[in-house]
């Protein structure tokens, strides 16, 4: 069993190592922190922590650094979620409040979270299991080109340029638009895909040659919206922390580019009492991310579905600050999407 004082020693080892990247020794702890005991007593506490595999001596250093298990104990029992400053909260509200649509608000969210945490930031698009088609817009671009715009009830907007076999005047294009909206507005993604599987019956036969490319493109747009995907920002932060990895960071970069892998990891992470999920080091090894920590929190989309937002970085990270930032951005994102 580890005593309360030993746990406090673990806390300062984690905090000092995260801040300095230097192994922490007993003399340093006595000099920097008010334990009121001798360096020899602190060494005994550190020996107990080492027996429990919570800290380890790197190479021949006299100092100690946290293990993955040590970080886990810190996160579960010792981390204080410091509230964000008034300036940070105002920055979140201002920066995200300027977003025009779902794509922009998610892109801004990961950029902001990356800046707040100095880690790679990730946000999952809301699940579209219950999303429906709100509206289809067809915009003439001149000649035989039009812009197809698909808008879902969750606020997602998907746009494609279509080359038609012949030009349509605005009246005919408006008629096609009205027929398509009548056919699919309010349907789920899978229902809309079925309804658009062929132009037959949707429009008069003399328009089928023109409407065929439109329904095919809309089918592609709906298909793109039926798959979960992630938005990422701050990959340069991973490069800046390259010295925290034992080898090359390229396997990590390759792993985070595999969105299916990260989405599976997100799906397996359990939320703690703070509303934040934390997966550390070896816990991520099955996903090719054994030297990283992943912190996520859920946000609610307009359709009521839960999606995740979070950060990924080396195990040596400021867990208290990063957990607070992830939670704050996720909560504001839920509120913003709910208002819109």
C-alpha atoms as a PDB file:
ATOM      1  CA  UNK A   1       0.000   0.000   0.000  1.00  0.00           C
ATOM      2  CA  UNK A   2       1.187   3.510  -0.813  1.00  0.00           C
ATOM      3  CA  UNK A   3       0.757   6.161   1.894  1.00  0.00           C
ATOM      4  CA  UNK A   4      -0.939   9.525   1.366  1.00  0.00           C
ATOM      5  CA  UNK A   5       2.459  11.239   1.538  1.00  0.00           C
ATOM      6  CA  UNK A   6       3.845   8.875  -1.092  1.00  0.00           C
ATOM      7  CA  UNK A   7       0.926   9.788  -3.348  1.00  0.00           C
ATOM      8  CA  UNK A   8       1.743  13.464  -2.818  1.00  0.00           C
ATOM      9  CA  UNK A   9       5.335  12.672  -3.778  1.00  0.00           C
ATOM     10  CA  UNK A  10       3.987  11.027  -6.949  1.00  0.00           C
ATOM     11  CA  UNK A  11       1.927  14.139  -7.650  1.00  0.00           C
ATOM     12  CA  UNK A  12       4.940  16.465  -7.496  1.00  0.00           C
ATOM     13  CA  UNK A  13       7.094  14.051  -9.530  1.00  0.00           C
ATOM     14  CA  UNK A  14       4.480  14.090 -12.293  1.00  0.00           C
ATOM     15  CA  UNK A  15       4.039  17.859 -12.154  1.00  0.00           C
ATOM     16  CA  UNK A  16       7.766  18.629 -12.027  1.00  0.00           C
ATOM     17  CA  UNK A  17       8.649  16.140 -14.765  1.00  0.00           C
ATOM     18  CA  UNK A  18       5.898  17.446 -17.047  1.00  0.00           C
ATOM     19  CA  UNK A  19       7.129  21.003 -16.481  1.00  0.00           C
ATOM     20  CA  UNK A  20      10.866  20.360 -16.887  1.00  0.00           C
ATOM     21  CA  UNK A  21      11.283  17.029 -18.697  1.00  0.00           C
ATOM     22  CA  UNK A  22      14.058  16.362 -16.168  1.00  0.00           C
ATOM     23  CA  UNK A  23      14.004  13.282 -13.890  1.00  0.00           C
ATOM     24  CA  UNK A  24      13.033  14.304 -10.361  1.00  0.00           C
ATOM     25  CA  UNK A  25      15.223  13.454  -7.350  1.00  0.00           C
ATOM     26  CA  UNK A  26      14.528  13.510  -3.626  1.00  0.00           C
ATOM     27  CA  UNK A  27      16.683  16.596  -3.008  1.00  0.00           C
ATOM     28  CA  UNK A  28      14.796  18.514  -5.688  1.00  0.00           C
ATOM     29  CA  UNK A  29      11.489  17.555  -4.065  1.00  0.00           C
ATOM     30  CA  UNK A  30      12.661  18.691  -0.614  1.00  0.00           C
ATOM     31  CA  UNK A  31      14.000  21.980  -2.020  1.00  0.00           C
ATOM     32  CA  UNK A  32      10.910  22.809  -4.104  1.00  0.00           C
ATOM     33  CA  UNK A  33       8.058  21.481  -2.005  1.00  0.00           C
ATOM     34  CA  UNK A  34       7.046  21.790   1.649  1.00  0.00           C
ATOM     35  CA  UNK A  35       6.860  18.208   2.826  1.00  0.00           C
ATOM     36  CA  UNK A  36       8.526  18.941   6.155  1.00  0.00           C
ATOM     37  CA  UNK A  37      10.562  15.750   6.041  1.00  0.00           C
ATOM     38  CA  UNK A  38      14.137  14.856   5.115  1.00  0.00           C
ATOM     39  CA  UNK A  39      15.412  13.838   1.705  1.00  0.00           C
ATOM     40  CA  UNK A  40      15.994  10.347   3.139  1.00  0.00           C
ATOM     41  CA  UNK A  41      12.299  10.045   4.009  1.00  0.00           C
ATOM     42  CA  UNK A  42      11.334  11.185   0.515  1.00  0.00           C
ATOM     43  CA  UNK A  43      13.729   8.573  -0.887  1.00  0.00           C
ATOM     44  CA  UNK A  44      11.866   5.902   1.090  1.00  0.00           C
ATOM     45  CA  UNK A  45       8.575   7.140  -0.360  1.00  0.00           C
ATOM     46  CA  UNK A  46      10.082   7.045  -3.836  1.00  0.00           C
ATOM     47  CA  UNK A  47      11.298   3.487  -3.229  1.00  0.00           C
ATOM     48  CA  UNK A  48       7.717   2.471  -2.386  1.00  0.00           C
ATOM     49  CA  UNK A  49       6.430   4.182  -5.531  1.00  0.00           C
ATOM     50  CA  UNK A  50       9.082   2.351  -7.548  1.00  0.00           C
ATOM     51  CA  UNK A  51       8.067  -0.994  -6.028  1.00  0.00           C
ATOM     52  CA  UNK A  52       4.501  -0.268  -7.131  1.00  0.00           C
ATOM     53  CA  UNK A  53       5.824   0.522 -10.644  1.00  0.00           C
ATOM     54  CA  UNK A  54       4.497   4.080 -10.468  1.00  0.00           C
ATOM     55  CA  UNK A  55       7.892   5.664 -11.134  1.00  0.00           C
ATOM     56  CA  UNK A  56      11.104   4.453 -12.749  1.00  0.00           C
ATOM     57  CA  UNK A  57      14.743   5.519 -13.063  1.00  0.00           C
ATOM     58  CA  UNK A  58      15.613   6.279 -16.703  1.00  0.00           C
ATOM     59  CA  UNK A  59      19.080   4.992 -17.572  1.00  0.00           C
ATOM     60  CA  UNK A  60      21.496   5.694 -14.714  1.00  0.00           C
ATOM     61  CA  UNK A  61      19.849   8.893 -13.493  1.00  0.00           C
ATOM     62  CA  UNK A  62      19.348   9.326  -9.773  1.00  0.00           C
ATOM     63  CA  UNK A  63      16.028  11.001 -10.479  1.00  0.00           C
ATOM     64  CA  UNK A  64      12.738   9.309 -11.293  1.00  0.00           C
ATOM     65  CA  UNK A  65      10.040   9.778 -13.932  1.00  0.00           C
ATOM     66  CA  UNK A  66       6.416   8.575 -13.934  1.00  0.00           C
ATOM     67  CA  UNK A  67       5.435   5.332 -15.627  1.00  0.00           C
ATOM     68  CA  UNK A  68       2.194   4.889 -17.559  1.00  0.00           C
ATOM     69  CA  UNK A  69       0.775   3.374 -14.375  1.00  0.00           C
ATOM     70  CA  UNK A  70       1.966   6.415 -12.412  1.00  0.00           C
ATOM     71  CA  UNK A  71       0.249   8.784 -14.838  1.00  0.00           C
ATOM     72  CA  UNK A  72      -2.916   6.665 -14.514  1.00  0.00           C
ATOM     73  CA  UNK A  73      -2.922   7.010 -10.706  1.00  0.00           C
ATOM     74  CA  UNK A  74      -2.271  10.737 -11.086  1.00  0.00           C
ATOM     75  CA  UNK A  75      -5.179  11.201 -13.506  1.00  0.00           C
ATOM     76  CA  UNK A  76      -7.600   9.044 -11.500  1.00  0.00           C
ATOM     77  CA  UNK A  77      -6.814  10.328  -8.017  1.00  0.00           C
ATOM     78  CA  UNK A  78      -4.474  13.313  -7.946  1.00  0.00           C
ATOM     79  CA  UNK A  79      -5.164  15.621 -10.900  1.00  0.00           C
ATOM     80  CA  UNK A  80      -6.884  18.922 -10.176  1.00  0.00           C
ATOM     81  CA  UNK A  81      -8.971  20.204 -13.062  1.00  0.00           C
ATOM     82  CA  UNK A  82      -8.006  23.849 -12.914  1.00  0.00           C
ATOM     83  CA  UNK A  83     -10.797  26.048 -14.288  1.00  0.00           C
ATOM     84  CA  UNK A  84      -9.884  27.988 -17.401  1.00  0.00           C
ATOM     85  CA  UNK A  85      -9.131  31.655 -16.937  1.00  0.00           C
ATOM     86  CA  UNK A  86     -11.722  34.283 -17.814  1.00  0.00           C
ATOM     87  CA  UNK A  87      -9.579  35.223 -20.820  1.00  0.00           C
ATOM     88  CA  UNK A  88      -9.491  31.599 -22.029  1.00  0.00           C
ATOM     89  CA  UNK A  89     -13.263  31.223 -21.639  1.00  0.00           C
ATOM     90  CA  UNK A  90     -13.830  34.479 -23.508  1.00  0.00           C
ATOM     91  CA  UNK A  91     -11.502  33.300 -26.288  1.00  0.00           C
ATOM     92  CA  UNK A  92     -13.523  30.091 -26.682  1.00  0.00           C
ATOM     93  CA  UNK A  93     -16.817  31.970 -26.831  1.00  0.00           C
ATOM     94  CA  UNK A  94     -15.559  34.607 -29.267  1.00  0.00           C
ATOM     95  CA  UNK A  95     -13.632  32.292 -31.578  1.00  0.00           C
ATOM     96  CA  UNK A  96     -16.301  29.602 -31.870  1.00  0.00           C
ATOM     97  CA  UNK A  97     -19.218  32.039 -31.894  1.00  0.00           C
ATOM     98  CA  UNK A  98     -18.049  33.452 -35.241  1.00  0.00           C
ATOM     99  CA  UNK A  99     -18.564  30.122 -37.023  1.00  0.00           C
ATOM    100  CA  UNK A 100     -21.042  30.060 -39.896  1.00  0.00           C
ATOM    101  CA  UNK A 101     -21.858  26.322 -40.087  1.00  0.00           C
ATOM    102  CA  UNK A 102     -21.021  22.934 -38.586  1.00  0.00           C
ATOM    103  CA  UNK A 103     -17.905  22.418 -40.727  1.00  0.00           C
ATOM    104  CA  UNK A 104     -16.477  25.757 -39.662  1.00  0.00           C
ATOM    105  CA  UNK A 105     -17.345  25.387 -35.984  1.00  0.00           C
ATOM    106  CA  UNK A 106     -15.631  21.961 -35.833  1.00  0.00           C
ATOM    107  CA  UNK A 107     -12.570  23.248 -37.711  1.00  0.00           C
ATOM    108  CA  UNK A 108     -12.365  26.216 -35.337  1.00  0.00           C
ATOM    109  CA  UNK A 109     -12.841  23.927 -32.315  1.00  0.00           C
ATOM    110  CA  UNK A 110      -9.794  21.794 -33.093  1.00  0.00           C
ATOM    111  CA  UNK A 111      -7.651  24.823 -33.916  1.00  0.00           C
ATOM    112  CA  UNK A 112      -8.610  26.445 -30.623  1.00  0.00           C
ATOM    113  CA  UNK A 113      -8.136  23.261 -28.577  1.00  0.00           C
ATOM    114  CA  UNK A 114      -4.728  22.716 -30.162  1.00  0.00           C
ATOM    115  CA  UNK A 115      -3.704  26.253 -29.175  1.00  0.00           C
ATOM    116  CA  UNK A 116      -4.993  25.836 -25.594  1.00  0.00           C
ATOM    117  CA  UNK A 117      -3.241  22.500 -24.997  1.00  0.00           C
ATOM    118  CA  UNK A 118      -0.250  22.526 -27.406  1.00  0.00           C
ATOM    119  CA  UNK A 119      -1.267  19.016 -28.492  1.00  0.00           C
ATOM    120  CA  UNK A 120      -2.836  17.429 -31.560  1.00  0.00           C
ATOM    121  CA  UNK A 121      -6.569  18.194 -31.355  1.00  0.00           C
ATOM    122  CA  UNK A 122      -9.274  15.969 -32.828  1.00  0.00           C
ATOM    123  CA  UNK A 123     -13.028  16.284 -33.188  1.00  0.00           C
ATOM    124  CA  UNK A 124     -15.430  13.631 -34.390  1.00  0.00           C
ATOM    125  CA  UNK A 125     -18.275  14.696 -36.650  1.00  0.00           C
ATOM    126  CA  UNK A 126     -21.674  14.008 -35.064  1.00  0.00           C
ATOM    127  CA  UNK A 127     -23.030  10.569 -35.811  1.00  0.00           C
ATOM    128  CA  UNK A 128     -25.589  10.694 -38.575  1.00  0.00           C
ATOM    129  CA  UNK A 129     -27.490   7.606 -37.463  1.00  0.00           C
ATOM    130  CA  UNK A 130     -30.507   9.835 -36.841  1.00  0.00           C
ATOM    131  CA  UNK A 131     -29.656  12.773 -39.126  1.00  0.00           C
ATOM    132  CA  UNK A 132     -32.122  13.734 -41.824  1.00  0.00           C
ATOM    133  CA  UNK A 133     -31.955  15.741 -45.048  1.00  0.00           C
ATOM    134  CA  UNK A 134     -33.037  19.305 -44.355  1.00  0.00           C
ATOM    135  CA  UNK A 135     -32.699  20.744 -47.838  1.00  0.00           C
ATOM    136  CA  UNK A 136     -31.130  20.300 -51.264  1.00  0.00           C
ATOM    137  CA  UNK A 137     -30.047  23.379 -53.216  1.00  0.00           C
ATOM    138  CA  UNK A 138     -29.031  23.464 -56.890  1.00  0.00           C
ATOM    139  CA  UNK A 139     -27.134  26.617 -57.877  1.00  0.00           C
ATOM    140  CA  UNK A 140     -26.411  27.463 -61.554  1.00  0.00           C
ATOM    141  CA  UNK A 141     -22.732  28.216 -62.186  1.00  0.00           C
ATOM    142  CA  UNK A 142     -23.025  29.044 -65.872  1.00  0.00           C
ATOM    143  CA  UNK A 143     -23.159  26.823 -68.933  1.00  0.00           C
ATOM    144  CA  UNK A 144     -23.713  23.185 -68.024  1.00  0.00           C
ATOM    145  CA  UNK A 145     -22.208  23.388 -64.502  1.00  0.00           C
ATOM    146  CA  UNK A 146     -24.252  23.550 -61.295  1.00  0.00           C
ATOM    147  CA  UNK A 147     -23.421  23.396 -57.580  1.00  0.00           C
ATOM    148  CA  UNK A 148     -25.236  20.728 -55.565  1.00  0.00           C
ATOM    149  CA  UNK A 149     -25.612  21.600 -51.865  1.00  0.00           C
ATOM    150  CA  UNK A 150     -26.835  19.007 -49.355  1.00  0.00           C
ATOM    151  CA  UNK A 151     -27.799  20.318 -45.889  1.00  0.00           C
ATOM    152  CA  UNK A 152     -28.644  17.996 -42.961  1.00  0.00           C
ATOM    153  CA  UNK A 153     -30.662  18.788 -39.853  1.00  0.00           C
ATOM    154  CA  UNK A 154     -27.416  18.605 -37.838  1.00  0.00           C
ATOM    155  CA  UNK A 155     -26.073  21.570 -39.809  1.00  0.00           C
ATOM    156  CA  UNK A 156     -23.591  19.661 -41.951  1.00  0.00           C
ATOM    157  CA  UNK A 157     -23.218  21.104 -45.461  1.00  0.00           C
ATOM    158  CA  UNK A 158     -21.820  19.065 -48.367  1.00  0.00           C
ATOM    159  CA  UNK A 159     -21.144  20.732 -51.742  1.00  0.00           C
ATOM    160  CA  UNK A 160     -20.232  19.268 -55.152  1.00  0.00           C
ATOM    161  CA  UNK A 161     -19.889  20.754 -58.632  1.00  0.00           C
ATOM    162  CA  UNK A 162     -21.782  18.783 -61.298  1.00  0.00           C
ATOM    163  CA  UNK A 163     -21.220  18.862 -65.062  1.00  0.00           C
ATOM    164  CA  UNK A 164     -24.552  18.262 -66.790  1.00  0.00           C
ATOM    165  CA  UNK A 165     -24.926  16.830 -70.316  1.00  0.00           C
ATOM    166  CA  UNK A 166     -26.834  19.978 -71.284  1.00  0.00           C
ATOM    167  CA  UNK A 167     -27.771  23.301 -69.749  1.00  0.00           C
ATOM    168  CA  UNK A 168     -30.976  23.818 -67.769  1.00  0.00           C
ATOM    169  CA  UNK A 169     -32.681  27.188 -67.532  1.00  0.00           C
ATOM    170  CA  UNK A 170     -33.454  28.498 -64.052  1.00  0.00           C
ATOM    171  CA  UNK A 171     -37.113  27.536 -64.253  1.00  0.00           C
ATOM    172  CA  UNK A 172     -36.339  23.887 -65.074  1.00  0.00           C
ATOM    173  CA  UNK A 173     -33.567  23.791 -62.471  1.00  0.00           C
ATOM    174  CA  UNK A 174     -36.010  25.162 -59.901  1.00  0.00           C
ATOM    175  CA  UNK A 175     -38.504  22.457 -60.847  1.00  0.00           C
ATOM    176  CA  UNK A 176     -35.864  19.736 -60.426  1.00  0.00           C
ATOM    177  CA  UNK A 177     -34.822  21.198 -57.069  1.00  0.00           C
ATOM    178  CA  UNK A 178     -38.424  21.231 -55.853  1.00  0.00           C
ATOM    179  CA  UNK A 179     -38.982  17.609 -56.949  1.00  0.00           C
ATOM    180  CA  UNK A 180     -35.795  16.424 -55.242  1.00  0.00           C
ATOM    181  CA  UNK A 181     -36.659  18.198 -51.988  1.00  0.00           C
ATOM    182  CA  UNK A 182     -40.149  16.766 -52.102  1.00  0.00           C
ATOM    183  CA  UNK A 183     -38.657  13.294 -52.505  1.00  0.00           C
ATOM    184  CA  UNK A 184     -35.990  13.359 -49.770  1.00  0.00           C
ATOM    185  CA  UNK A 185     -36.494  16.275 -47.318  1.00  0.00           C
ATOM    186  CA  UNK A 186     -37.007  14.860 -43.835  1.00  0.00           C
ATOM    187  CA  UNK A 187     -35.676  11.400 -44.731  1.00  0.00           C
ATOM    188  CA  UNK A 188     -32.739   9.756 -42.961  1.00  0.00           C
ATOM    189  CA  UNK A 189     -29.491   9.347 -44.870  1.00  0.00           C
ATOM    190  CA  UNK A 190     -30.199   5.699 -45.749  1.00  0.00           C
ATOM    191  CA  UNK A 191     -33.786   6.469 -46.761  1.00  0.00           C
ATOM    192  CA  UNK A 192     -32.640   9.382 -48.933  1.00  0.00           C
ATOM    193  CA  UNK A 193     -29.987   7.211 -50.600  1.00  0.00           C
ATOM    194  CA  UNK A 194     -32.671   4.673 -51.535  1.00  0.00           C
ATOM    195  CA  UNK A 195     -35.028   7.379 -52.808  1.00  0.00           C
ATOM    196  CA  UNK A 196     -32.276   8.767 -55.067  1.00  0.00           C
ATOM    197  CA  UNK A 197     -31.030   5.402 -56.324  1.00  0.00           C
ATOM    198  CA  UNK A 198     -32.485   6.216 -59.758  1.00  0.00           C
ATOM    199  CA  UNK A 199     -34.095   9.260 -61.337  1.00  0.00           C
ATOM    200  CA  UNK A 200     -37.024   7.250 -62.726  1.00  0.00           C
ATOM    201  CA  UNK A 201     -40.284   8.564 -61.362  1.00  0.00           C
ATOM    202  CA  UNK A 202     -38.716  11.645 -59.814  1.00  0.00           C
ATOM    203  CA  UNK A 203     -38.921  13.793 -62.947  1.00  0.00           C
ATOM    204  CA  UNK A 204     -40.508  13.690 -66.410  1.00  0.00           C
ATOM    205  CA  UNK A 205     -38.735  11.274 -68.763  1.00  0.00           C
ATOM    206  CA  UNK A 206     -37.355  14.111 -70.921  1.00  0.00           C
ATOM    207  CA  UNK A 207     -35.310  15.346 -67.924  1.00  0.00           C
ATOM    208  CA  UNK A 208     -33.912  11.988 -66.813  1.00  0.00           C
ATOM    209  CA  UNK A 209     -30.663  12.397 -68.791  1.00  0.00           C
ATOM    210  CA  UNK A 210     -29.942  15.623 -66.884  1.00  0.00           C
ATOM    211  CA  UNK A 211     -31.237  14.550 -63.494  1.00  0.00           C
ATOM    212  CA  UNK A 212     -29.271  11.268 -63.549  1.00  0.00           C
ATOM    213  CA  UNK A 213     -25.905  12.971 -62.832  1.00  0.00           C
ATOM    214  CA  UNK A 214     -27.583  15.111 -60.138  1.00  0.00           C
ATOM    215  CA  UNK A 215     -29.068  12.153 -58.245  1.00  0.00           C
ATOM    216  CA  UNK A 216     -25.818  10.186 -58.628  1.00  0.00           C
ATOM    217  CA  UNK A 217     -23.833  13.078 -57.127  1.00  0.00           C
ATOM    218  CA  UNK A 218     -26.358  13.554 -54.329  1.00  0.00           C
ATOM    219  CA  UNK A 219     -26.037   9.837 -53.611  1.00  0.00           C
ATOM    220  CA  UNK A 220     -22.263  10.286 -53.270  1.00  0.00           C
ATOM    221  CA  UNK A 221     -22.806  13.287 -50.992  1.00  0.00           C
ATOM    222  CA  UNK A 222     -25.176  11.319 -48.773  1.00  0.00           C
ATOM    223  CA  UNK A 223     -22.731   8.413 -48.703  1.00  0.00           C
ATOM    224  CA  UNK A 224     -19.945  10.754 -47.577  1.00  0.00           C
ATOM    225  CA  UNK A 225     -22.193  12.002 -44.770  1.00  0.00           C
ATOM    226  CA  UNK A 226     -23.085   8.520 -43.559  1.00  0.00           C
ATOM    227  CA  UNK A 227     -19.518   7.708 -42.495  1.00  0.00           C
ATOM    228  CA  UNK A 228     -17.983   8.944 -39.254  1.00  0.00           C
ATOM    229  CA  UNK A 229     -14.961  11.163 -39.733  1.00  0.00           C
ATOM    230  CA  UNK A 230     -12.526  13.292 -37.752  1.00  0.00           C
ATOM    231  CA  UNK A 231     -11.099  16.766 -38.132  1.00  0.00           C
ATOM    232  CA  UNK A 232      -7.539  17.259 -36.862  1.00  0.00           C
ATOM    233  CA  UNK A 233      -5.345  20.260 -36.085  1.00  0.00           C
ATOM    234  CA  UNK A 234      -1.962  20.844 -34.474  1.00  0.00           C
ATOM    235  CA  UNK A 235       0.130  18.011 -35.935  1.00  0.00           C
ATOM    236  CA  UNK A 236       3.107  20.373 -35.662  1.00  0.00           C
ATOM    237  CA  UNK A 237       2.760  20.142 -31.865  1.00  0.00           C
ATOM    238  CA  UNK A 238       3.596  16.452 -32.111  1.00  0.00           C
ATOM    239  CA  UNK A 239       6.774  17.276 -34.003  1.00  0.00           C
ATOM    240  CA  UNK A 240       7.771  19.740 -31.274  1.00  0.00           C
ATOM    241  CA  UNK A 241       7.472  16.967 -28.648  1.00  0.00           C
ATOM    242  CA  UNK A 242       9.391  14.401 -30.709  1.00  0.00           C
ATOM    243  CA  UNK A 243      11.994  14.016 -27.946  1.00  0.00           C
ATOM    244  CA  UNK A 244       9.253  12.537 -25.705  1.00  0.00           C
ATOM    245  CA  UNK A 245       9.049   9.468 -27.949  1.00  0.00           C
ATOM    246  CA  UNK A 246      11.599   6.654 -27.845  1.00  0.00           C
ATOM    247  CA  UNK A 247      11.826   6.446 -31.625  1.00  0.00           C
ATOM    248  CA  UNK A 248      10.407   8.185 -34.655  1.00  0.00           C
ATOM    249  CA  UNK A 249       7.058   9.965 -34.425  1.00  0.00           C
ATOM    250  CA  UNK A 250       6.113   8.849 -37.940  1.00  0.00           C
ATOM    251  CA  UNK A 251       4.314   5.684 -36.758  1.00  0.00           C
ATOM    252  CA  UNK A 252       2.235   7.945 -34.499  1.00  0.00           C
ATOM    253  CA  UNK A 253       1.470  10.299 -37.381  1.00  0.00           C
ATOM    254  CA  UNK A 254       0.502   7.322 -39.536  1.00  0.00           C
ATOM    255  CA  UNK A 255      -1.759   5.961 -36.792  1.00  0.00           C
ATOM    256  CA  UNK A 256      -3.634   9.237 -36.321  1.00  0.00           C
ATOM    257  CA  UNK A 257      -4.150   9.484 -40.071  1.00  0.00           C
ATOM    258  CA  UNK A 258      -6.015   6.179 -39.866  1.00  0.00           C
ATOM    259  CA  UNK A 259      -9.301   7.686 -38.782  1.00  0.00           C
ATOM    260  CA  UNK A 260     -10.980   4.298 -38.378  1.00  0.00           C
ATOM    261  CA  UNK A 261      -8.411   3.375 -35.713  1.00  0.00           C
ATOM    262  CA  UNK A 262      -8.942   6.580 -33.742  1.00  0.00           C
ATOM    263  CA  UNK A 263     -12.724   6.344 -34.008  1.00  0.00           C
ATOM    264  CA  UNK A 264     -12.520   2.808 -32.611  1.00  0.00           C
ATOM    265  CA  UNK A 265     -10.324   4.059 -29.755  1.00  0.00           C
ATOM    266  CA  UNK A 266     -12.778   6.899 -29.065  1.00  0.00           C
ATOM    267  CA  UNK A 267     -15.598   4.372 -28.916  1.00  0.00           C
ATOM    268  CA  UNK A 268     -13.828   2.245 -26.305  1.00  0.00           C
ATOM    269  CA  UNK A 269     -12.854   5.064 -23.923  1.00  0.00           C
ATOM    270  CA  UNK A 270     -14.816   5.287 -20.657  1.00  0.00           C
ATOM    271  CA  UNK A 271     -15.749   8.697 -19.217  1.00  0.00           C
ATOM    272  CA  UNK A 272     -14.587   9.547 -15.677  1.00  0.00           C
ATOM    273  CA  UNK A 273     -16.258  11.593 -12.950  1.00  0.00           C
ATOM    274  CA  UNK A 274     -15.013  14.811 -14.572  1.00  0.00           C
ATOM    275  CA  UNK A 275     -16.766  14.041 -17.858  1.00  0.00           C
ATOM    276  CA  UNK A 276     -13.398  13.359 -19.513  1.00  0.00           C
ATOM    277  CA  UNK A 277     -12.005  10.088 -20.907  1.00  0.00           C
ATOM    278  CA  UNK A 278      -8.257   9.496 -20.599  1.00  0.00           C
ATOM    279  CA  UNK A 279      -6.331   6.633 -22.195  1.00  0.00           C
ATOM    280  CA  UNK A 280      -2.621   6.488 -21.351  1.00  0.00           C
ATOM    281  CA  UNK A 281       0.432   4.895 -22.944  1.00  0.00           C
ATOM    282  CA  UNK A 282       0.228   1.106 -23.000  1.00  0.00           C
ATOM    283  CA  UNK A 283      -3.577   1.289 -22.889  1.00  0.00           C
ATOM    284  CA  UNK A 284      -3.352   2.605 -26.466  1.00  0.00           C
ATOM    285  CA  UNK A 285      -0.865  -0.019 -27.707  1.00  0.00           C
ATOM    286  CA  UNK A 286      -3.527  -2.055 -29.597  1.00  0.00           C
ATOM    287  CA  UNK A 287      -4.134   1.051 -31.707  1.00  0.00           C
ATOM    288  CA  UNK A 288      -0.460   1.695 -32.511  1.00  0.00           C
ATOM    289  CA  UNK A 289      -0.347   4.599 -30.042  1.00  0.00           C
ATOM    290  CA  UNK A 290       1.462   3.003 -27.104  1.00  0.00           C
ATOM    291  CA  UNK A 291       3.578   6.097 -26.342  1.00  0.00           C
ATOM    292  CA  UNK A 292       0.720   8.573 -26.436  1.00  0.00           C
ATOM    293  CA  UNK A 293      -2.105   9.731 -24.194  1.00  0.00           C
ATOM    294  CA  UNK A 294      -5.552  10.529 -25.563  1.00  0.00           C
ATOM    295  CA  UNK A 295      -8.012  12.772 -23.693  1.00  0.00           C
ATOM    296  CA  UNK A 296     -11.587  13.155 -24.907  1.00  0.00           C
ATOM    297  CA  UNK A 297     -14.937  14.540 -23.825  1.00  0.00           C
ATOM    298  CA  UNK A 298     -18.347  14.191 -25.430  1.00  0.00           C
ATOM    299  CA  UNK A 299     -20.399  16.927 -27.045  1.00  0.00           C
ATOM    300  CA  UNK A 300     -24.014  16.772 -28.160  1.00  0.00           C
ATOM    301  CA  UNK A 301     -25.089  17.479 -31.719  1.00  0.00           C
ATOM    302  CA  UNK A 302     -28.412  19.098 -32.674  1.00  0.00           C
ATOM    303  CA  UNK A 303     -29.846  15.656 -33.420  1.00  0.00           C
ATOM    304  CA  UNK A 304     -29.065  14.549 -29.867  1.00  0.00           C
ATOM    305  CA  UNK A 305     -26.239  12.204 -30.828  1.00  0.00           C
ATOM    306  CA  UNK A 306     -23.001  12.209 -28.851  1.00  0.00           C
ATOM    307  CA  UNK A 307     -19.655  12.727 -30.568  1.00  0.00           C
ATOM    308  CA  UNK A 308     -16.163  13.178 -29.120  1.00  0.00           C
ATOM    309  CA  UNK A 309     -13.595  15.937 -29.072  1.00  0.00           C
ATOM    310  CA  UNK A 310     -10.123  15.617 -27.603  1.00  0.00           C
ATOM    311  CA  UNK A 311      -6.342  15.826 -27.756  1.00  0.00           C
ATOM    312  CA  UNK A 312      -3.516  13.395 -28.413  1.00  0.00           C
ATOM    313  CA  UNK A 313       0.106  13.812 -27.377  1.00  0.00           C
ATOM    314  CA  UNK A 314       2.994  12.204 -25.515  1.00  0.00           C
ATOM    315  CA  UNK A 315       2.335  10.690 -22.092  1.00  0.00           C
ATOM    316  CA  UNK A 316       4.355  13.581 -20.636  1.00  0.00           C
ATOM    317  CA  UNK A 317       1.615  16.206 -20.842  1.00  0.00           C
ATOM    318  CA  UNK A 318      -0.178  18.653 -18.546  1.00  0.00           C
ATOM    319  CA  UNK A 319      -3.153  16.434 -17.751  1.00  0.00           C
ATOM    320  CA  UNK A 320      -4.885  18.903 -15.428  1.00  0.00           C
ATOM    321  CA  UNK A 321      -4.849  21.763 -17.933  1.00  0.00           C
ATOM    322  CA  UNK A 322      -5.613  19.571 -20.938  1.00  0.00           C
ATOM    323  CA  UNK A 323      -8.550  17.798 -19.272  1.00  0.00           C
ATOM    324  CA  UNK A 324     -10.035  21.142 -18.270  1.00  0.00           C
ATOM    325  CA  UNK A 325      -9.583  22.572 -21.789  1.00  0.00           C
ATOM    326  CA  UNK A 326     -11.105  19.515 -23.492  1.00  0.00           C
ATOM    327  CA  UNK A 327     -14.108  19.584 -21.155  1.00  0.00           C
ATOM    328  CA  UNK A 328     -14.642  23.336 -21.534  1.00  0.00           C
ATOM    329  CA  UNK A 329     -14.497  23.317 -25.346  1.00  0.00           C
ATOM    330  CA  UNK A 330     -16.800  20.278 -25.527  1.00  0.00           C
ATOM    331  CA  UNK A 331     -19.361  21.937 -23.249  1.00  0.00           C
ATOM    332  CA  UNK A 332     -19.307  25.170 -25.213  1.00  0.00           C
ATOM    333  CA  UNK A 333     -19.566  23.251 -28.485  1.00  0.00           C
ATOM    334  CA  UNK A 334     -22.689  21.438 -27.194  1.00  0.00           C
ATOM    335  CA  UNK A 335     -24.235  24.726 -26.152  1.00  0.00           C
ATOM    336  CA  UNK A 336     -23.390  26.459 -29.430  1.00  0.00           C
ATOM    337  CA  UNK A 337     -24.771  23.636 -31.578  1.00  0.00           C
ATOM    338  CA  UNK A 338     -27.877  23.448 -29.406  1.00  0.00           C
ATOM    339  CA  UNK A 339     -28.562  27.161 -29.921  1.00  0.00           C
ATOM    340  CA  UNK A 340     -28.212  26.787 -33.689  1.00  0.00           C
END
